[in-house]
Amino acid sequence: VPNLGWHHQDIEQPLCEALKRVGVRQSPV
């Protein structure tokens, strides 16, 4: 993601965990 400086990072699992912390249980994303 050149314009954000991200390289080869997992995104699905961290986003699911972030959603759970705010009460959203939808998974997978």
mmCIF file of all heavy atoms, coordinates in Angstrom:
data_MODEL
# 
_entry.id   MODEL 
# 
loop_
_atom_site.group_PDB 
_atom_site.id 
_atom_site.type_symbol 
_atom_site.label_atom_id 
_atom_site.label_alt_id 
_atom_site.label_comp_id 
_atom_site.label_asym_id 
_atom_site.label_entity_id 
_atom_site.label_seq_id 
_atom_site.pdbx_PDB_ins_code 
_atom_site.Cartn_x 
_atom_site.Cartn_y 
_atom_site.Cartn_z 
_atom_site.occupancy 
_atom_site.B_iso_or_equiv 
_atom_site.pdbx_formal_charge 
_atom_site.auth_seq_id 
_atom_site.auth_comp_id 
_atom_site.auth_asym_id 
_atom_site.auth_atom_id 
_atom_site.pdbx_PDB_model_num 
ATOM 1   N N   . VAL A 1 1  ? 0.886   -1.174  0.000  1.00 0.00 ? 1  VAL A N   1 
ATOM 2   C CA  . VAL A 1 1  ? 0.000   0.000   0.000  1.00 0.00 ? 1  VAL A CA  1 
ATOM 3   C C   . VAL A 1 1  ? 0.919   1.218   0.000  1.00 0.00 ? 1  VAL A C   1 
ATOM 4   O O   . VAL A 1 1  ? 1.206   1.804   1.046  1.00 0.00 ? 1  VAL A O   1 
ATOM 5   C CB  . VAL A 1 1  ? -0.936  0.008   1.227  1.00 0.00 ? 1  VAL A CB  1 
ATOM 6   C CG1 . VAL A 1 1  ? -1.965  1.127   1.112  1.00 0.00 ? 1  VAL A CG1 1 
ATOM 7   C CG2 . VAL A 1 1  ? -1.647  -1.337  1.375  1.00 0.00 ? 1  VAL A CG2 1 
ATOM 8   N N   . PRO A 1 2  ? 1.435   1.600   -1.178 1.00 0.00 ? 2  PRO A N   1 
ATOM 9   C CA  . PRO A 1 2  ? 2.510   2.588   -1.235 1.00 0.00 ? 2  PRO A CA  1 
ATOM 10  C C   . PRO A 1 2  ? 2.160   3.944   -0.651 1.00 0.00 ? 2  PRO A C   1 
ATOM 11  O O   . PRO A 1 2  ? 3.006   4.587   -0.019 1.00 0.00 ? 2  PRO A O   1 
ATOM 12  C CB  . PRO A 1 2  ? 2.819   2.689   -2.740 1.00 0.00 ? 2  PRO A CB  1 
ATOM 13  C CG  . PRO A 1 2  ? 1.606   2.154   -3.428 1.00 0.00 ? 2  PRO A CG  1 
ATOM 14  C CD  . PRO A 1 2  ? 1.044   1.125   -2.512 1.00 0.00 ? 2  PRO A CD  1 
ATOM 15  N N   . ASN A 1 3  ? 0.908   4.379   -0.836 1.00 0.00 ? 3  ASN A N   1 
ATOM 16  C CA  . ASN A 1 3  ? 0.549   5.715   -0.351 1.00 0.00 ? 3  ASN A CA  1 
ATOM 17  C C   . ASN A 1 3  ? 0.296   5.768   1.150  1.00 0.00 ? 3  ASN A C   1 
ATOM 18  O O   . ASN A 1 3  ? 0.105   6.841   1.708  1.00 0.00 ? 3  ASN A O   1 
ATOM 19  C CB  . ASN A 1 3  ? -0.675  6.234   -1.117 1.00 0.00 ? 3  ASN A CB  1 
ATOM 20  C CG  . ASN A 1 3  ? -0.344  6.569   -2.563 1.00 0.00 ? 3  ASN A CG  1 
ATOM 21  O OD1 . ASN A 1 3  ? 0.613   7.298   -2.837 1.00 0.00 ? 3  ASN A OD1 1 
ATOM 22  N ND2 . ASN A 1 3  ? -1.099  6.011   -3.496 1.00 0.00 ? 3  ASN A ND2 1 
ATOM 23  N N   . LEU A 1 4  ? 0.282   4.587   1.811  1.00 0.00 ? 4  LEU A N   1 
ATOM 24  C CA  . LEU A 1 4  ? 0.146   4.537   3.264  1.00 0.00 ? 4  LEU A CA  1 
ATOM 25  C C   . LEU A 1 4  ? 1.378   3.929   3.935  1.00 0.00 ? 4  LEU A C   1 
ATOM 26  O O   . LEU A 1 4  ? 1.483   3.910   5.160  1.00 0.00 ? 4  LEU A O   1 
ATOM 27  C CB  . LEU A 1 4  ? -1.097  3.725   3.665  1.00 0.00 ? 4  LEU A CB  1 
ATOM 28  C CG  . LEU A 1 4  ? -2.455  4.284   3.224  1.00 0.00 ? 4  LEU A CG  1 
ATOM 29  C CD1 . LEU A 1 4  ? -3.581  3.376   3.677  1.00 0.00 ? 4  LEU A CD1 1 
ATOM 30  C CD2 . LEU A 1 4  ? -2.659  5.692   3.761  1.00 0.00 ? 4  LEU A CD2 1 
ATOM 31  N N   . GLY A 1 5  ? 2.285   3.405   3.117  1.00 0.00 ? 5  GLY A N   1 
ATOM 32  C CA  . GLY A 1 5  ? 3.520   2.855   3.666  1.00 0.00 ? 5  GLY A CA  1 
ATOM 33  C C   . GLY A 1 5  ? 3.371   1.494   4.303  1.00 0.00 ? 5  GLY A C   1 
ATOM 34  O O   . GLY A 1 5  ? 4.221   1.092   5.107  1.00 0.00 ? 5  GLY A O   1 
ATOM 35  N N   . TRP A 1 6  ? 2.319   0.736   3.950  1.00 0.00 ? 6  TRP A N   1 
ATOM 36  C CA  . TRP A 1 6  ? 2.121   -0.605  4.512  1.00 0.00 ? 6  TRP A CA  1 
ATOM 37  C C   . TRP A 1 6  ? 2.695   -1.642  3.552  1.00 0.00 ? 6  TRP A C   1 
ATOM 38  O O   . TRP A 1 6  ? 2.566   -1.526  2.331  1.00 0.00 ? 6  TRP A O   1 
ATOM 39  C CB  . TRP A 1 6  ? 0.644   -0.913  4.726  1.00 0.00 ? 6  TRP A CB  1 
ATOM 40  C CG  . TRP A 1 6  ? -0.059  0.033   5.648  1.00 0.00 ? 6  TRP A CG  1 
ATOM 41  C CD1 . TRP A 1 6  ? 0.510   0.941   6.512  1.00 0.00 ? 6  TRP A CD1 1 
ATOM 42  C CD2 . TRP A 1 6  ? -1.474  0.186   5.797  1.00 0.00 ? 6  TRP A CD2 1 
ATOM 43  N NE1 . TRP A 1 6  ? -0.455  1.631   7.184  1.00 0.00 ? 6  TRP A NE1 1 
ATOM 44  C CE2 . TRP A 1 6  ? -1.689  1.194   6.771  1.00 0.00 ? 6  TRP A CE2 1 
ATOM 45  C CE3 . TRP A 1 6  ? -2.566  -0.434  5.222  1.00 0.00 ? 6  TRP A CE3 1 
ATOM 46  C CZ2 . TRP A 1 6  ? -2.960  1.600   7.162  1.00 0.00 ? 6  TRP A CZ2 1 
ATOM 47  C CZ3 . TRP A 1 6  ? -3.830  -0.041  5.607  1.00 0.00 ? 6  TRP A CZ3 1 
ATOM 48  C CH2 . TRP A 1 6  ? -4.029  0.966   6.571  1.00 0.00 ? 6  TRP A CH2 1 
ATOM 49  N N   . HIS A 1 7  ? 3.311   -2.673  4.106  1.00 0.00 ? 7  HIS A N   1 
ATOM 50  C CA  . HIS A 1 7  ? 3.917   -3.712  3.275  1.00 0.00 ? 7  HIS A CA  1 
ATOM 51  C C   . HIS A 1 7  ? 3.714   -5.078  3.929  1.00 0.00 ? 7  HIS A C   1 
ATOM 52  O O   . HIS A 1 7  ? 4.120   -5.292  5.068  1.00 0.00 ? 7  HIS A O   1 
ATOM 53  C CB  . HIS A 1 7  ? 5.421   -3.466  3.086  1.00 0.00 ? 7  HIS A CB  1 
ATOM 54  C CG  . HIS A 1 7  ? 5.743   -2.159  2.434  1.00 0.00 ? 7  HIS A CG  1 
ATOM 55  N ND1 . HIS A 1 7  ? 5.728   -1.980  1.067  1.00 0.00 ? 7  HIS A ND1 1 
ATOM 56  C CD2 . HIS A 1 7  ? 6.067   -0.953  2.968  1.00 0.00 ? 7  HIS A CD2 1 
ATOM 57  C CE1 . HIS A 1 7  ? 6.038   -0.723  0.790  1.00 0.00 ? 7  HIS A CE1 1 
ATOM 58  N NE2 . HIS A 1 7  ? 6.246   -0.081  1.922  1.00 0.00 ? 7  HIS A NE2 1 
ATOM 59  N N   . HIS A 1 8  ? 3.043   -5.989  3.212  1.00 0.00 ? 8  HIS A N   1 
ATOM 60  C CA  . HIS A 1 8  ? 2.930   -7.398  3.600  1.00 0.00 ? 8  HIS A CA  1 
ATOM 61  C C   . HIS A 1 8  ? 2.454   -7.568  5.053  1.00 0.00 ? 8  HIS A C   1 
ATOM 62  O O   . HIS A 1 8  ? 3.137   -8.146  5.886  1.00 0.00 ? 8  HIS A O   1 
ATOM 63  C CB  . HIS A 1 8  ? 4.267   -8.106  3.388  1.00 0.00 ? 8  HIS A CB  1 
ATOM 64  C CG  . HIS A 1 8  ? 4.809   -7.932  2.005  1.00 0.00 ? 8  HIS A CG  1 
ATOM 65  N ND1 . HIS A 1 8  ? 4.216   -8.501  0.898  1.00 0.00 ? 8  HIS A ND1 1 
ATOM 66  C CD2 . HIS A 1 8  ? 5.865   -7.216  1.550  1.00 0.00 ? 8  HIS A CD2 1 
ATOM 67  C CE1 . HIS A 1 8  ? 4.897   -8.156  -0.186 1.00 0.00 ? 8  HIS A CE1 1 
ATOM 68  N NE2 . HIS A 1 8  ? 5.895   -7.379  0.176  1.00 0.00 ? 8  HIS A NE2 1 
ATOM 69  N N   . GLN A 1 9  ? 1.282   -7.032  5.323  1.00 0.00 ? 9  GLN A N   1 
ATOM 70  C CA  . GLN A 1 9  ? 0.728   -7.112  6.663  1.00 0.00 ? 9  GLN A CA  1 
ATOM 71  C C   . GLN A 1 9  ? -0.638  -7.790  6.634  1.00 0.00 ? 9  GLN A C   1 
ATOM 72  O O   . GLN A 1 9  ? -1.441  -7.590  5.721  1.00 0.00 ? 9  GLN A O   1 
ATOM 73  C CB  . GLN A 1 9  ? 0.589   -5.715  7.276  1.00 0.00 ? 9  GLN A CB  1 
ATOM 74  C CG  . GLN A 1 9  ? 1.928   -5.050  7.589  1.00 0.00 ? 9  GLN A CG  1 
ATOM 75  C CD  . GLN A 1 9  ? 1.739   -3.634  8.093  1.00 0.00 ? 9  GLN A CD  1 
ATOM 76  O OE1 . GLN A 1 9  ? 1.592   -2.698  7.305  1.00 0.00 ? 9  GLN A OE1 1 
ATOM 77  N NE2 . GLN A 1 9  ? 1.743   -3.462  9.406  1.00 0.00 ? 9  GLN A NE2 1 
ATOM 78  N N   . ASP A 1 10 ? -0.899  -8.597  7.665  1.00 0.00 ? 10 ASP A N   1 
ATOM 79  C CA  . ASP A 1 10 ? -2.216  -9.195  7.832  1.00 0.00 ? 10 ASP A CA  1 
ATOM 80  C C   . ASP A 1 10 ? -3.195  -8.088  8.186  1.00 0.00 ? 10 ASP A C   1 
ATOM 81  O O   . ASP A 1 10 ? -2.869  -7.182  8.960  1.00 0.00 ? 10 ASP A O   1 
ATOM 82  C CB  . ASP A 1 10 ? -2.170  -10.239 8.956  1.00 0.00 ? 10 ASP A CB  1 
ATOM 83  C CG  . ASP A 1 10 ? -3.518  -10.932 9.143  1.00 0.00 ? 10 ASP A CG  1 
ATOM 84  O OD1 . ASP A 1 10 ? -4.327  -10.923 8.197  1.00 0.00 ? 10 ASP A OD1 1 
ATOM 85  O OD2 . ASP A 1 10 ? -3.753  -11.476 10.231 1.00 0.00 ? 10 ASP A OD2 1 
ATOM 86  N N   . ILE A 1 11 ? -4.377  -8.125  7.597  1.00 0.00 ? 11 ILE A N   1 
ATOM 87  C CA  . ILE A 1 11 ? -5.349  -7.082  7.891  1.00 0.00 ? 11 ILE A CA  1 
ATOM 88  C C   . ILE A 1 11 ? -6.674  -7.670  8.379  1.00 0.00 ? 11 ILE A C   1 
ATOM 89  O O   . ILE A 1 11 ? -7.342  -7.075  9.222  1.00 0.00 ? 11 ILE A O   1 
ATOM 90  C CB  . ILE A 1 11 ? -5.584  -6.168  6.654  1.00 0.00 ? 11 ILE A CB  1 
ATOM 91  C CG1 . ILE A 1 11 ? -6.476  -4.970  7.026  1.00 0.00 ? 11 ILE A CG1 1 
ATOM 92  C CG2 . ILE A 1 11 ? -6.157  -6.935  5.487  1.00 0.00 ? 11 ILE A CG2 1 
ATOM 93  C CD1 . ILE A 1 11 ? -6.538  -3.915  5.948  1.00 0.00 ? 11 ILE A CD1 1 
ATOM 94  N N   . GLU A 1 12 ? -7.037  -8.860  7.881  1.00 0.00 ? 12 GLU A N   1 
ATOM 95  C CA  . GLU A 1 12 ? -8.335  -9.420  8.245  1.00 0.00 ? 12 GLU A CA  1 
ATOM 96  C C   . GLU A 1 12 ? -8.437  -9.708  9.744  1.00 0.00 ? 12 GLU A C   1 
ATOM 97  O O   . GLU A 1 12 ? -9.379  -9.255  10.412 1.00 0.00 ? 12 GLU A O   1 
ATOM 98  C CB  . GLU A 1 12 ? -8.604  -10.706 7.469  1.00 0.00 ? 12 GLU A CB  1 
ATOM 99  C CG  . GLU A 1 12 ? -9.982  -11.284 7.785  1.00 0.00 ? 12 GLU A CG  1 
ATOM 100 C CD  . GLU A 1 12 ? -10.109 -12.744 7.379  1.00 0.00 ? 12 GLU A CD  1 
ATOM 101 O OE1 . GLU A 1 12 ? -9.085  -13.417 7.219  1.00 0.00 ? 12 GLU A OE1 1 
ATOM 102 O OE2 . GLU A 1 12 ? -11.249 -13.204 7.251  1.00 0.00 ? 12 GLU A OE2 1 
ATOM 103 N N   . GLN A 1 13 ? -7.482  -10.449 10.292 1.00 0.00 ? 13 GLN A N   1 
ATOM 104 C CA  . GLN A 1 13 ? -7.563  -10.835 11.696 1.00 0.00 ? 13 GLN A CA  1 
ATOM 105 C C   . GLN A 1 13 ? -7.477  -9.633  12.640 1.00 0.00 ? 13 GLN A C   1 
ATOM 106 O O   . GLN A 1 13 ? -8.292  -9.510  13.564 1.00 0.00 ? 13 GLN A O   1 
ATOM 107 C CB  . GLN A 1 13 ? -6.476  -11.861 12.030 1.00 0.00 ? 13 GLN A CB  1 
ATOM 108 C CG  . GLN A 1 13 ? -6.614  -12.479 13.416 1.00 0.00 ? 13 GLN A CG  1 
ATOM 109 C CD  . GLN A 1 13 ? -7.942  -13.190 13.625 1.00 0.00 ? 13 GLN A CD  1 
ATOM 110 O OE1 . GLN A 1 13 ? -8.483  -13.796 12.693 1.00 0.00 ? 13 GLN A OE1 1 
ATOM 111 N NE2 . GLN A 1 13 ? -8.491  -13.095 14.834 1.00 0.00 ? 13 GLN A NE2 1 
ATOM 112 N N   . PRO A 1 14 ? -6.528  -8.701  12.426 1.00 0.00 ? 14 PRO A N   1 
ATOM 113 C CA  . PRO A 1 14 ? -6.497  -7.515  13.298 1.00 0.00 ? 14 PRO A CA  1 
ATOM 114 C C   . PRO A 1 14 ? -7.777  -6.689  13.232 1.00 0.00 ? 14 PRO A C   1 
ATOM 115 O O   . PRO A 1 14 ? -8.213  -6.140  14.241 1.00 0.00 ? 14 PRO A O   1 
ATOM 116 C CB  . PRO A 1 14 ? -5.300  -6.722  12.772 1.00 0.00 ? 14 PRO A CB  1 
ATOM 117 C CG  . PRO A 1 14 ? -4.426  -7.727  12.115 1.00 0.00 ? 14 PRO A CG  1 
ATOM 118 C CD  . PRO A 1 14 ? -5.367  -8.736  11.519 1.00 0.00 ? 14 PRO A CD  1 
ATOM 119 N N   . LEU A 1 15 ? -8.396  -6.623  12.044 1.00 0.00 ? 15 LEU A N   1 
ATOM 120 C CA  . LEU A 1 15 ? -9.646  -5.865  11.939 1.00 0.00 ? 15 LEU A CA  1 
ATOM 121 C C   . LEU A 1 15 ? -10.769 -6.574  12.682 1.00 0.00 ? 15 LEU A C   1 
ATOM 122 O O   . LEU A 1 15 ? -11.569 -5.929  13.379 1.00 0.00 ? 15 LEU A O   1 
ATOM 123 C CB  . LEU A 1 15 ? -10.021 -5.662  10.470 1.00 0.00 ? 15 LEU A CB  1 
ATOM 124 C CG  . LEU A 1 15 ? -11.331 -4.891  10.222 1.00 0.00 ? 15 LEU A CG  1 
ATOM 125 C CD1 . LEU A 1 15 ? -11.322 -3.535  10.930 1.00 0.00 ? 15 LEU A CD1 1 
ATOM 126 C CD2 . LEU A 1 15 ? -11.568 -4.710  8.728  1.00 0.00 ? 15 LEU A CD2 1 
ATOM 127 N N   . CYS A 1 16 ? -10.837 -7.897  12.569 1.00 0.00 ? 16 CYS A N   1 
ATOM 128 C CA  . CYS A 1 16 ? -11.847 -8.647  13.320 1.00 0.00 ? 16 CYS A CA  1 
ATOM 129 C C   . CYS A 1 16 ? -11.685 -8.435  14.824 1.00 0.00 ? 16 CYS A C   1 
ATOM 130 O O   . CYS A 1 16 ? -12.666 -8.258  15.559 1.00 0.00 ? 16 CYS A O   1 
ATOM 131 C CB  . CYS A 1 16 ? -11.763 -10.133 12.985 1.00 0.00 ? 16 CYS A CB  1 
ATOM 132 S SG  . CYS A 1 16 ? -12.373 -10.563 11.346 1.00 0.00 ? 16 CYS A SG  1 
ATOM 133 N N   . GLU A 1 17 ? -10.446 -8.429  15.282 1.00 0.00 ? 17 GLU A N   1 
ATOM 134 C CA  . GLU A 1 17 ? -10.184 -8.212  16.709 1.00 0.00 ? 17 GLU A CA  1 
ATOM 135 C C   . GLU A 1 17 ? -10.564 -6.797  17.126 1.00 0.00 ? 17 GLU A C   1 
ATOM 136 O O   . GLU A 1 17 ? -11.129 -6.584  18.209 1.00 0.00 ? 17 GLU A O   1 
ATOM 137 C CB  . GLU A 1 17 ? -8.704  -8.479  17.005 1.00 0.00 ? 17 GLU A CB  1 
ATOM 138 C CG  . GLU A 1 17 ? -8.321  -9.952  16.860 1.00 0.00 ? 17 GLU A CG  1 
ATOM 139 C CD  . GLU A 1 17 ? -6.835  -10.189 16.939 1.00 0.00 ? 17 GLU A CD  1 
ATOM 140 O OE1 . GLU A 1 17 ? -6.080  -9.194  17.080 1.00 0.00 ? 17 GLU A OE1 1 
ATOM 141 O OE2 . GLU A 1 17 ? -6.401  -11.360 16.870 1.00 0.00 ? 17 GLU A OE2 1 
ATOM 142 N N   . ALA A 1 18 ? -10.256 -5.818  16.274 1.00 0.00 ? 18 ALA A N   1 
ATOM 143 C CA  . ALA A 1 18 ? -10.635 -4.434  16.578 1.00 0.00 ? 18 ALA A CA  1 
ATOM 144 C C   . ALA A 1 18 ? -12.149 -4.280  16.638 1.00 0.00 ? 18 ALA A C   1 
ATOM 145 O O   . ALA A 1 18 ? -12.685 -3.550  17.482 1.00 0.00 ? 18 ALA A O   1 
ATOM 146 C CB  . ALA A 1 18 ? -10.040 -3.487  15.530 1.00 0.00 ? 18 ALA A CB  1 
ATOM 147 N N   . LEU A 1 19 ? -12.854 -4.978  15.748 1.00 0.00 ? 19 LEU A N   1 
ATOM 148 C CA  . LEU A 1 19 ? -14.316 -4.928  15.751 1.00 0.00 ? 19 LEU A CA  1 
ATOM 149 C C   . LEU A 1 19 ? -14.898 -5.571  17.002 1.00 0.00 ? 19 LEU A C   1 
ATOM 150 O O   . LEU A 1 19 ? -15.858 -5.056  17.595 1.00 0.00 ? 19 LEU A O   1 
ATOM 151 C CB  . LEU A 1 19 ? -14.866 -5.618  14.495 1.00 0.00 ? 19 LEU A CB  1 
ATOM 152 C CG  . LEU A 1 19 ? -14.676 -4.864  13.178 1.00 0.00 ? 19 LEU A CG  1 
ATOM 153 C CD1 . LEU A 1 19 ? -15.026 -5.745  11.993 1.00 0.00 ? 19 LEU A CD1 1 
ATOM 154 C CD2 . LEU A 1 19 ? -15.514 -3.588  13.150 1.00 0.00 ? 19 LEU A CD2 1 
ATOM 155 N N   . LYS A 1 20 ? -14.319 -6.676  17.429 1.00 0.00 ? 20 LYS A N   1 
ATOM 156 C CA  . LYS A 1 20 ? -14.796 -7.329  18.650 1.00 0.00 ? 20 LYS A CA  1 
ATOM 157 C C   . LYS A 1 20 ? -14.638 -6.423  19.863 1.00 0.00 ? 20 LYS A C   1 
ATOM 158 O O   . LYS A 1 20 ? -15.483 -6.400  20.758 1.00 0.00 ? 20 LYS A O   1 
ATOM 159 C CB  . LYS A 1 20 ? -14.039 -8.639  18.865 1.00 0.00 ? 20 LYS A CB  1 
ATOM 160 C CG  . LYS A 1 20 ? -14.441 -9.750  17.915 1.00 0.00 ? 20 LYS A CG  1 
ATOM 161 C CD  . LYS A 1 20 ? -13.628 -11.012 18.164 1.00 0.00 ? 20 LYS A CD  1 
ATOM 162 C CE  . LYS A 1 20 ? -13.988 -12.107 17.171 1.00 0.00 ? 20 LYS A CE  1 
ATOM 163 N NZ  . LYS A 1 20 ? -13.165 -13.319 17.367 1.00 0.00 ? 20 LYS A NZ  1 
ATOM 164 N N   . ARG A 1 21 ? -13.542 -5.665  19.887 1.00 0.00 ? 21 ARG A N   1 
ATOM 165 C CA  . ARG A 1 21 ? -13.308 -4.762  21.034 1.00 0.00 ? 21 ARG A CA  1 
ATOM 166 C C   . ARG A 1 21 ? -14.375 -3.687  21.140 1.00 0.00 ? 21 ARG A C   1 
ATOM 167 O O   . ARG A 1 21 ? -14.619 -3.147  22.222 1.00 0.00 ? 21 ARG A O   1 
ATOM 168 C CB  . ARG A 1 21 ? -11.921 -4.117  20.917 1.00 0.00 ? 21 ARG A CB  1 
ATOM 169 C CG  . ARG A 1 21 ? -10.767 -5.084  21.191 1.00 0.00 ? 21 ARG A CG  1 
ATOM 170 C CD  . ARG A 1 21 ? -9.467  -4.339  21.433 1.00 0.00 ? 21 ARG A CD  1 
ATOM 171 N NE  . ARG A 1 21 ? -9.000  -3.626  20.254 1.00 0.00 ? 21 ARG A NE  1 
ATOM 172 C CZ  . ARG A 1 21 ? -8.194  -4.143  19.334 1.00 0.00 ? 21 ARG A CZ  1 
ATOM 173 N NH1 . ARG A 1 21 ? -7.776  -5.401  19.451 1.00 0.00 ? 21 ARG A NH1 1 
ATOM 174 N NH2 . ARG A 1 21 ? -7.806  -3.431  18.301 1.00 0.00 ? 21 ARG A NH2 1 
ATOM 175 N N   . VAL A 1 22 ? -15.011 -3.347  20.005 1.00 0.00 ? 22 VAL A N   1 
ATOM 176 C CA  . VAL A 1 22 ? -16.064 -2.316  20.051 1.00 0.00 ? 22 VAL A CA  1 
ATOM 177 C C   . VAL A 1 22 ? -17.451 -2.944  19.920 1.00 0.00 ? 22 VAL A C   1 
ATOM 178 O O   . VAL A 1 22 ? -18.432 -2.252  19.624 1.00 0.00 ? 22 VAL A O   1 
ATOM 179 C CB  . VAL A 1 22 ? -15.843 -1.240  18.957 1.00 0.00 ? 22 VAL A CB  1 
ATOM 180 C CG1 . VAL A 1 22 ? -14.609 -0.416  19.276 1.00 0.00 ? 22 VAL A CG1 1 
ATOM 181 C CG2 . VAL A 1 22 ? -15.732 -1.862  17.567 1.00 0.00 ? 22 VAL A CG2 1 
ATOM 182 N N   . GLY A 1 23 ? -17.534 -4.262  20.119 1.00 0.00 ? 23 GLY A N   1 
ATOM 183 C CA  . GLY A 1 23 ? -18.841 -4.916  20.199 1.00 0.00 ? 23 GLY A CA  1 
ATOM 184 C C   . GLY A 1 23 ? -19.433 -5.416  18.906 1.00 0.00 ? 23 GLY A C   1 
ATOM 185 O O   . GLY A 1 23 ? -20.608 -5.793  18.865 1.00 0.00 ? 23 GLY A O   1 
ATOM 186 N N   . VAL A 1 24 ? -18.645 -5.447  17.830 1.00 0.00 ? 24 VAL A N   1 
ATOM 187 C CA  . VAL A 1 24 ? -19.137 -5.965  16.554 1.00 0.00 ? 24 VAL A CA  1 
ATOM 188 C C   . VAL A 1 24 ? -18.599 -7.370  16.379 1.00 0.00 ? 24 VAL A C   1 
ATOM 189 O O   . VAL A 1 24 ? -17.380 -7.573  16.320 1.00 0.00 ? 24 VAL A O   1 
ATOM 190 C CB  . VAL A 1 24 ? -18.698 -5.080  15.368 1.00 0.00 ? 24 VAL A CB  1 
ATOM 191 C CG1 . VAL A 1 24 ? -19.220 -5.652  14.052 1.00 0.00 ? 24 VAL A CG1 1 
ATOM 192 C CG2 . VAL A 1 24 ? -19.197 -3.653  15.552 1.00 0.00 ? 24 VAL A CG2 1 
ATOM 193 N N   . ARG A 1 25 ? -19.486 -8.354  16.274 1.00 0.00 ? 25 ARG A N   1 
ATOM 194 C CA  . ARG A 1 25 ? -19.071 -9.754  16.252 1.00 0.00 ? 25 ARG A CA  1 
ATOM 195 C C   . ARG A 1 25 ? -19.026 -10.348 14.851 1.00 0.00 ? 25 ARG A C   1 
ATOM 196 O O   . ARG A 1 25 ? -18.797 -11.537 14.700 1.00 0.00 ? 25 ARG A O   1 
ATOM 197 C CB  . ARG A 1 25 ? -20.019 -10.584 17.119 1.00 0.00 ? 25 ARG A CB  1 
ATOM 198 C CG  . ARG A 1 25 ? -20.025 -10.146 18.580 1.00 0.00 ? 25 ARG A CG  1 
ATOM 199 C CD  . ARG A 1 25 ? -18.700 -10.463 19.265 1.00 0.00 ? 25 ARG A CD  1 
ATOM 200 N NE  . ARG A 1 25 ? -18.618 -9.919  20.613 1.00 0.00 ? 25 ARG A NE  1 
ATOM 201 C CZ  . ARG A 1 25 ? -17.578 -10.078 21.409 1.00 0.00 ? 25 ARG A CZ  1 
ATOM 202 N NH1 . ARG A 1 25 ? -16.527 -10.738 20.981 1.00 0.00 ? 25 ARG A NH1 1 
ATOM 203 N NH2 . ARG A 1 25 ? -17.570 -9.548  22.619 1.00 0.00 ? 25 ARG A NH2 1 
ATOM 204 N N   . GLN A 1 26 ? -19.272 -9.546  13.840 1.00 0.00 ? 26 GLN A N   1 
ATOM 205 C CA  . GLN A 1 26 ? -19.303 -10.053 12.469 1.00 0.00 ? 26 GLN A CA  1 
ATOM 206 C C   . GLN A 1 26 ? -17.936 -10.581 12.060 1.00 0.00 ? 26 GLN A C   1 
ATOM 207 O O   . GLN A 1 26 ? -16.926 -9.882  12.154 1.00 0.00 ? 26 GLN A O   1 
ATOM 208 C CB  . GLN A 1 26 ? -19.716 -8.937  11.504 1.00 0.00 ? 26 GLN A CB  1 
ATOM 209 C CG  . GLN A 1 26 ? -19.973 -9.396  10.093 1.00 0.00 ? 26 GLN A CG  1 
ATOM 210 C CD  . GLN A 1 26 ? -21.274 -10.156 9.974  1.00 0.00 ? 26 GLN A CD  1 
ATOM 211 O OE1 . GLN A 1 26 ? -22.271 -9.762  10.535 1.00 0.00 ? 26 GLN A OE1 1 
ATOM 212 N NE2 . GLN A 1 26 ? -21.252 -11.249 9.235  1.00 0.00 ? 26 GLN A NE2 1 
ATOM 213 N N   . SER A 1 27 ? -17.883 -11.824 11.579 1.00 0.00 ? 27 SER A N   1 
ATOM 214 C CA  . SER A 1 27 ? -16.617 -12.418 11.178 1.00 0.00 ? 27 SER A CA  1 
ATOM 215 C C   . SER A 1 27 ? -16.907 -13.577 10.223 1.00 0.00 ? 27 SER A C   1 
ATOM 216 O O   . SER A 1 27 ? -17.904 -14.281 10.392 1.00 0.00 ? 27 SER A O   1 
ATOM 217 C CB  . SER A 1 27 ? -15.859 -12.928 12.409 1.00 0.00 ? 27 SER A CB  1 
ATOM 218 O OG  . SER A 1 27 ? -14.596 -13.452 12.053 1.00 0.00 ? 27 SER A OG  1 
ATOM 219 N N   . PRO A 1 28 ? -16.092 -13.818 9.187  1.00 0.00 ? 28 PRO A N   1 
ATOM 220 C CA  . PRO A 1 28 ? -14.902 -13.044 8.841  1.00 0.00 ? 28 PRO A CA  1 
ATOM 221 C C   . PRO A 1 28 ? -15.268 -11.742 8.131  1.00 0.00 ? 28 PRO A C   1 
ATOM 222 O O   . PRO A 1 28 ? -16.425 -11.555 7.719  1.00 0.00 ? 28 PRO A O   1 
ATOM 223 C CB  . PRO A 1 28 ? -14.154 -13.993 7.898  1.00 0.00 ? 28 PRO A CB  1 
ATOM 224 C CG  . PRO A 1 28 ? -15.257 -14.765 7.234  1.00 0.00 ? 28 PRO A CG  1 
ATOM 225 C CD  . PRO A 1 28 ? -16.306 -14.955 8.292  1.00 0.00 ? 28 PRO A CD  1 
ATOM 226 N N   . VAL A 1 29 ? -14.295 -10.881 7.992  1.00 0.00 ? 29 VAL A N   1 
ATOM 227 C CA  . VAL A 1 29 ? -14.458 -9.630  7.261  1.00 0.00 ? 29 VAL A CA  1 
ATOM 228 C C   . VAL A 1 29 ? -13.691 -9.759  5.952  1.00 0.00 ? 29 VAL A C   1 
ATOM 229 O O   . VAL A 1 29 ? -12.529 -10.154 5.947  1.00 0.00 ? 29 VAL A O   1 
ATOM 230 C CB  . VAL A 1 29 ? -13.914 -8.439  8.076  1.00 0.00 ? 29 VAL A CB  1 
ATOM 231 C CG1 . VAL A 1 29 ? -13.979 -7.169  7.250  1.00 0.00 ? 29 VAL A CG1 1 
ATOM 232 C CG2 . VAL A 1 29 ? -14.699 -8.281  9.372  1.00 0.00 ? 29 VAL A CG2 1 
# 
